[in-house]
Amino acid sequence: MDECHFQQHGLRLAAWFHLDEKDPVVQHAPTRKKMGIIGAVRAGDGKLVAREEEKFNAQTVESFFSELFQHRDTGKIMVVVLDNARFHHAKALSEWLTKHSREFCLAFLPPYSPELNHIERVWKLIRRLCTHNRYFEHLTDLRQAVFSKISEWVSPNDTLAQLCAIN
């Protein structure tokens, strides 16, 4: 179909290349390697705590909770809003959660509601700023781009505070 056919049917054609050119070739590294990041953002001021994990399970979540707990304001209760991933509900977390129950509590979002989770907004922004329309020959290049941005947000910042603001 040509552009005229689309216009006759009330459709607009948007192309990233000229119609008379050969189809573009998208470079990509033939790999199945990936990286996983666990993180939390403090909604009030945009402070981000994140780290890379090889896998996600009760042990890595408990370890992350311990790290996150170190960022709690003294005398305040830290409420962590989570999705319903299986490892967030693991029985193996119960001892740690009981031990810290006076200062640390979990609030689970309704199923299938990622738009309510502040960290999902952060991940989306990181992907847009660091990975969209970019080619990474090596996983280390991707890791560098992502953690470079994360390192900018470990202190309170307006970017994430505004991203997490509830209007």
C-alpha atoms as a PDB file:
ATOM      1  CA  MET A   1       0.000   0.000   0.000  1.00  0.00           C
ATOM      2  CA  ASP A   2       1.233   3.459  -0.735  1.00  0.00           C
ATOM      3  CA  GLU A   3       0.717   6.709   1.170  1.00  0.00           C
ATOM      4  CA  CYS A   4      -2.243   7.692  -1.030  1.00  0.00           C
ATOM      5  CA  HIS A   5      -4.113   4.503  -0.107  1.00  0.00           C
ATOM      6  CA  PHE A   6      -3.710   5.290   3.591  1.00  0.00           C
ATOM      7  CA  GLN A   7      -4.947   8.866   3.134  1.00  0.00           C
ATOM      8  CA  GLN A   8      -8.010   7.703   1.164  1.00  0.00           C
ATOM      9  CA  HIS A   9      -9.063   5.577   4.127  1.00  0.00           C
ATOM     10  CA  GLY A  10      -8.629   8.388   6.653  1.00  0.00           C
ATOM     11  CA  LEU A  11      -5.314   7.052   7.975  1.00  0.00           C
ATOM     12  CA  ARG A  12      -2.113   9.020   8.324  1.00  0.00           C
ATOM     13  CA  LEU A  13       1.170   7.383   7.489  1.00  0.00           C
ATOM     14  CA  ALA A  14       4.181   8.089   9.680  1.00  0.00           C
ATOM     15  CA  ALA A  15       7.456   6.585   8.577  1.00  0.00           C
ATOM     16  CA  TRP A  16      10.937   6.716  10.022  1.00  0.00           C
ATOM     17  CA  PHE A  17      12.418   6.228   6.561  1.00  0.00           C
ATOM     18  CA  HIS A  18      11.539   7.229   3.021  1.00  0.00           C
ATOM     19  CA  LEU A  19       9.176   4.860   1.276  1.00  0.00           C
ATOM     20  CA  ASP A  20      11.538   4.415  -1.677  1.00  0.00           C
ATOM     21  CA  GLU A  21      14.438   3.388   0.586  1.00  0.00           C
ATOM     22  CA  LYS A  22      15.301  -0.123   1.599  1.00  0.00           C
ATOM     23  CA  ASP A  23      13.958  -1.221   4.989  1.00  0.00           C
ATOM     24  CA  PRO A  24      16.217  -0.066   7.818  1.00  0.00           C
ATOM     25  CA  VAL A  25      18.336  -2.558   9.701  1.00  0.00           C
ATOM     26  CA  VAL A  26      18.205  -2.371  13.463  1.00  0.00           C
ATOM     27  CA  GLN A  27      21.418  -3.348  15.167  1.00  0.00           C
ATOM     28  CA  HIS A  28      21.181  -5.593  18.168  1.00  0.00           C
ATOM     29  CA  ALA A  29      23.451  -7.922  20.003  1.00  0.00           C
ATOM     30  CA  PRO A  30      22.341 -11.535  19.607  1.00  0.00           C
ATOM     31  CA  THR A  31      22.105 -12.325  23.286  1.00  0.00           C
ATOM     32  CA  ARG A  32      19.685 -13.302  25.981  1.00  0.00           C
ATOM     33  CA  LYS A  33      21.656 -11.607  28.722  1.00  0.00           C
ATOM     34  CA  LYS A  34      19.743  -9.259  30.958  1.00  0.00           C
ATOM     35  CA  MET A  35      20.061  -7.323  34.148  1.00  0.00           C
ATOM     36  CA  GLY A  36      17.597  -7.057  36.995  1.00  0.00           C
ATOM     37  CA  ILE A  37      17.313  -4.108  39.348  1.00  0.00           C
ATOM     38  CA  ILE A  38      15.429  -3.915  42.612  1.00  0.00           C
ATOM     39  CA  GLY A  39      14.647  -0.472  43.911  1.00  0.00           C
ATOM     40  CA  ALA A  40      12.462   1.890  45.865  1.00  0.00           C
ATOM     41  CA  VAL A  41      11.845   5.607  45.602  1.00  0.00           C
ATOM     42  CA  ARG A  42      10.835   7.846  48.484  1.00  0.00           C
ATOM     43  CA  ALA A  43       7.785   9.636  47.118  1.00  0.00           C
ATOM     44  CA  GLY A  44       8.178  12.758  49.224  1.00  0.00           C
ATOM     45  CA  ASP A  45      11.597  13.838  47.974  1.00  0.00           C
ATOM     46  CA  GLY A  46      12.574  11.490  45.112  1.00  0.00           C
ATOM     47  CA  LYS A  47      15.453   9.687  46.855  1.00  0.00           C
ATOM     48  CA  LEU A  48      16.180   6.429  45.008  1.00  0.00           C
ATOM     49  CA  VAL A  49      17.659   3.268  46.490  1.00  0.00           C
ATOM     50  CA  ALA A  50      18.434   0.622  43.873  1.00  0.00           C
ATOM     51  CA  ARG A  51      20.809  -2.214  43.205  1.00  0.00           C
ATOM     52  CA  GLU A  52      21.329  -4.963  40.710  1.00  0.00           C
ATOM     53  CA  GLU A  53      20.253  -8.503  41.538  1.00  0.00           C
ATOM     54  CA  GLU A  54      20.901 -11.638  39.551  1.00  0.00           C
ATOM     55  CA  LYS A  55      17.599 -13.142  40.665  1.00  0.00           C
ATOM     56  CA  PHE A  56      14.608 -12.096  42.716  1.00  0.00           C
ATOM     57  CA  ASN A  57      13.532 -14.255  45.622  1.00  0.00           C
ATOM     58  CA  ALA A  58      12.818 -13.963  49.343  1.00  0.00           C
ATOM     59  CA  GLN A  59      16.523 -13.758  50.220  1.00  0.00           C
ATOM     60  CA  THR A  60      17.290 -10.922  47.799  1.00  0.00           C
ATOM     61  CA  VAL A  61      14.142  -9.050  48.858  1.00  0.00           C
ATOM     62  CA  GLU A  62      15.033  -9.415  52.546  1.00  0.00           C
ATOM     63  CA  SER A  63      18.544  -8.190  51.822  1.00  0.00           C
ATOM     64  CA  PHE A  64      17.131  -5.211  49.950  1.00  0.00           C
ATOM     65  CA  PHE A  65      14.685  -4.462  52.782  1.00  0.00           C
ATOM     66  CA  SER A  66      17.652  -4.428  55.178  1.00  0.00           C
ATOM     67  CA  GLU A  67      19.455  -1.933  52.958  1.00  0.00           C
ATOM     68  CA  LEU A  68      16.316   0.154  52.507  1.00  0.00           C
ATOM     69  CA  PHE A  69      15.711   0.131  56.267  1.00  0.00           C
ATOM     70  CA  GLN A  70      19.028   1.956  56.713  1.00  0.00           C
ATOM     71  CA  HIS A  71      17.498   4.926  54.852  1.00  0.00           C
ATOM     72  CA  ARG A  72      14.550   5.204  57.250  1.00  0.00           C
ATOM     73  CA  ASP A  73      14.207   8.475  59.152  1.00  0.00           C
ATOM     74  CA  THR A  74      14.730   7.773  62.847  1.00  0.00           C
ATOM     75  CA  GLY A  75      11.491   7.568  64.751  1.00  0.00           C
ATOM     76  CA  LYS A  76       9.385   7.240  61.609  1.00  0.00           C
ATOM     77  CA  ILE A  77       7.601   4.197  60.232  1.00  0.00           C
ATOM     78  CA  MET A  78       8.693   3.224  56.733  1.00  0.00           C
ATOM     79  CA  VAL A  79       5.795   2.062  54.576  1.00  0.00           C
ATOM     80  CA  VAL A  80       6.895   0.208  51.464  1.00  0.00           C
ATOM     81  CA  VAL A  81       4.342  -0.038  48.669  1.00  0.00           C
ATOM     82  CA  LEU A  82       4.740  -3.231  46.649  1.00  0.00           C
ATOM     83  CA  ASP A  83       3.155  -5.129  43.836  1.00  0.00           C
ATOM     84  CA  ASN A  84       2.029  -8.682  44.431  1.00  0.00           C
ATOM     85  CA  ALA A  85       5.084 -10.538  43.179  1.00  0.00           C
ATOM     86  CA  ARG A  86       5.261 -13.974  44.719  1.00  0.00           C
ATOM     87  CA  PHE A  87       8.591 -13.318  46.468  1.00  0.00           C
ATOM     88  CA  HIS A  88       7.125 -10.246  48.243  1.00  0.00           C
ATOM     89  CA  HIS A  89       4.742 -12.605  50.063  1.00  0.00           C
ATOM     90  CA  ALA A  90       7.314 -15.293  50.874  1.00  0.00           C
ATOM     91  CA  LYS A  91       7.080 -16.903  54.290  1.00  0.00           C
ATOM     92  CA  ALA A  92      10.861 -16.589  54.531  1.00  0.00           C
ATOM     93  CA  LEU A  93      10.382 -12.818  54.989  1.00  0.00           C
ATOM     94  CA  SER A  94       8.088 -13.164  57.999  1.00  0.00           C
ATOM     95  CA  GLU A  95      10.861 -13.324  60.615  1.00  0.00           C
ATOM     96  CA  TRP A  96      12.545 -10.158  59.313  1.00  0.00           C
ATOM     97  CA  LEU A  97       9.198  -8.356  58.985  1.00  0.00           C
ATOM     98  CA  THR A  98       8.158  -9.365  62.512  1.00  0.00           C
ATOM     99  CA  LYS A  99      11.486  -8.168  63.922  1.00  0.00           C
ATOM    100  CA  HIS A 100      11.029  -4.732  62.297  1.00  0.00           C
ATOM    101  CA  SER A 101       7.232  -4.503  62.526  1.00  0.00           C
ATOM    102  CA  ARG A 102       7.265  -1.317  64.645  1.00  0.00           C
ATOM    103  CA  GLU A 103       9.289   0.633  62.067  1.00  0.00           C
ATOM    104  CA  PHE A 104       8.681  -1.090  58.742  1.00  0.00           C
ATOM    105  CA  CYS A 105       5.484  -2.242  57.088  1.00  0.00           C
ATOM    106  CA  LEU A 106       4.372  -3.418  53.679  1.00  0.00           C
ATOM    107  CA  ALA A 107       1.375  -2.141  51.737  1.00  0.00           C
ATOM    108  CA  PHE A 108       0.375  -4.228  48.750  1.00  0.00           C
ATOM    109  CA  LEU A 109      -1.205  -2.694  45.666  1.00  0.00           C
ATOM    110  CA  PRO A 110      -4.270  -4.227  44.063  1.00  0.00           C
ATOM    111  CA  PRO A 111      -3.435  -6.818  41.387  1.00  0.00           C
ATOM    112  CA  TYR A 112      -2.628  -5.531  37.895  1.00  0.00           C
ATOM    113  CA  SER A 113      -2.138  -1.898  38.900  1.00  0.00           C
ATOM    114  CA  PRO A 114       1.460  -0.976  38.022  1.00  0.00           C
ATOM    115  CA  GLU A 115       0.376   2.612  37.322  1.00  0.00           C
ATOM    116  CA  LEU A 116      -0.038   3.068  41.094  1.00  0.00           C
ATOM    117  CA  ASN A 117       3.510   1.951  41.878  1.00  0.00           C
ATOM    118  CA  HIS A 118       5.962   4.858  41.984  1.00  0.00           C
ATOM    119  CA  ILE A 119       8.976   2.706  41.190  1.00  0.00           C
ATOM    120  CA  GLU A 120       7.350   1.611  37.925  1.00  0.00           C
ATOM    121  CA  ARG A 121       7.285   5.276  36.899  1.00  0.00           C
ATOM    122  CA  VAL A 122      10.986   5.513  37.718  1.00  0.00           C
ATOM    123  CA  TRP A 123      11.830   2.392  35.672  1.00  0.00           C
ATOM    124  CA  LYS A 124       9.847   3.782  32.730  1.00  0.00           C
ATOM    125  CA  LEU A 125      11.725   7.090  32.899  1.00  0.00           C
ATOM    126  CA  ILE A 126      15.085   5.317  33.144  1.00  0.00           C
ATOM    127  CA  ARG A 127      14.261   3.233  30.077  1.00  0.00           C
ATOM    128  CA  ARG A 128      13.195   6.333  28.154  1.00  0.00           C
ATOM    129  CA  LEU A 129      16.273   8.361  29.148  1.00  0.00           C
ATOM    130  CA  CYS A 130      18.892   5.600  29.027  1.00  0.00           C
ATOM    131  CA  THR A 131      17.896   2.805  26.697  1.00  0.00           C
ATOM    132  CA  HIS A 132      15.345   3.902  24.085  1.00  0.00           C
ATOM    133  CA  ASN A 133      16.739   4.075  20.555  1.00  0.00           C
ATOM    134  CA  ARG A 134      20.197   3.128  21.755  1.00  0.00           C
ATOM    135  CA  TYR A 135      22.358   0.200  20.816  1.00  0.00           C
ATOM    136  CA  PHE A 136      24.433  -1.480  23.520  1.00  0.00           C
ATOM    137  CA  GLU A 137      27.008  -3.851  22.163  1.00  0.00           C
ATOM    138  CA  HIS A 138      27.748  -5.238  25.618  1.00  0.00           C
ATOM    139  CA  LEU A 139      25.677  -5.706  28.741  1.00  0.00           C
ATOM    140  CA  THR A 140      28.264  -3.669  30.650  1.00  0.00           C
ATOM    141  CA  ASP A 141      27.463  -0.680  28.398  1.00  0.00           C
ATOM    142  CA  LEU A 142      23.775  -0.975  29.283  1.00  0.00           C
ATOM    143  CA  ARG A 143      24.612  -1.356  32.975  1.00  0.00           C
ATOM    144  CA  GLN A 144      26.813   1.764  32.834  1.00  0.00           C
ATOM    145  CA  ALA A 145      24.085   3.855  31.183  1.00  0.00           C
ATOM    146  CA  VAL A 146      21.405   2.774  33.670  1.00  0.00           C
ATOM    147  CA  PHE A 147      23.498   3.075  36.826  1.00  0.00           C
ATOM    148  CA  SER A 148      24.873   6.416  35.717  1.00  0.00           C
ATOM    149  CA  LYS A 149      21.304   7.737  35.811  1.00  0.00           C
ATOM    150  CA  ILE A 150      20.488   5.913  39.057  1.00  0.00           C
ATOM    151  CA  SER A 151      23.541   7.466  40.728  1.00  0.00           C
ATOM    152  CA  GLU A 152      22.138  10.928  39.911  1.00  0.00           C
ATOM    153  CA  TRP A 153      19.017  10.132  41.893  1.00  0.00           C
ATOM    154  CA  VAL A 154      20.415   8.589  45.106  1.00  0.00           C
ATOM    155  CA  SER A 155      20.014  11.960  46.814  1.00  0.00           C
ATOM    156  CA  PRO A 156      16.657  13.701  47.100  1.00  0.00           C
ATOM    157  CA  ASN A 157      15.823  15.282  43.744  1.00  0.00           C
ATOM    158  CA  ASP A 158      13.024  17.214  42.082  1.00  0.00           C
ATOM    159  CA  THR A 159      12.838  14.949  39.030  1.00  0.00           C
ATOM    160  CA  LEU A 160      11.653  11.901  40.928  1.00  0.00           C
ATOM    161  CA  ALA A 161       9.750  13.886  43.544  1.00  0.00           C
ATOM    162  CA  GLN A 162       7.635  15.412  40.768  1.00  0.00           C
ATOM    163  CA  LEU A 163       7.328  12.055  38.998  1.00  0.00           C
ATOM    164  CA  CYS A 164       5.918  10.488  42.180  1.00  0.00           C
ATOM    165  CA  ALA A 165       3.693  13.435  43.172  1.00  0.00           C
ATOM    166  CA  ILE A 166       0.043  12.623  43.588  1.00  0.00           C
ATOM    167  CA  ASN A 167      -2.074  15.346  42.072  1.00  0.00           C
END
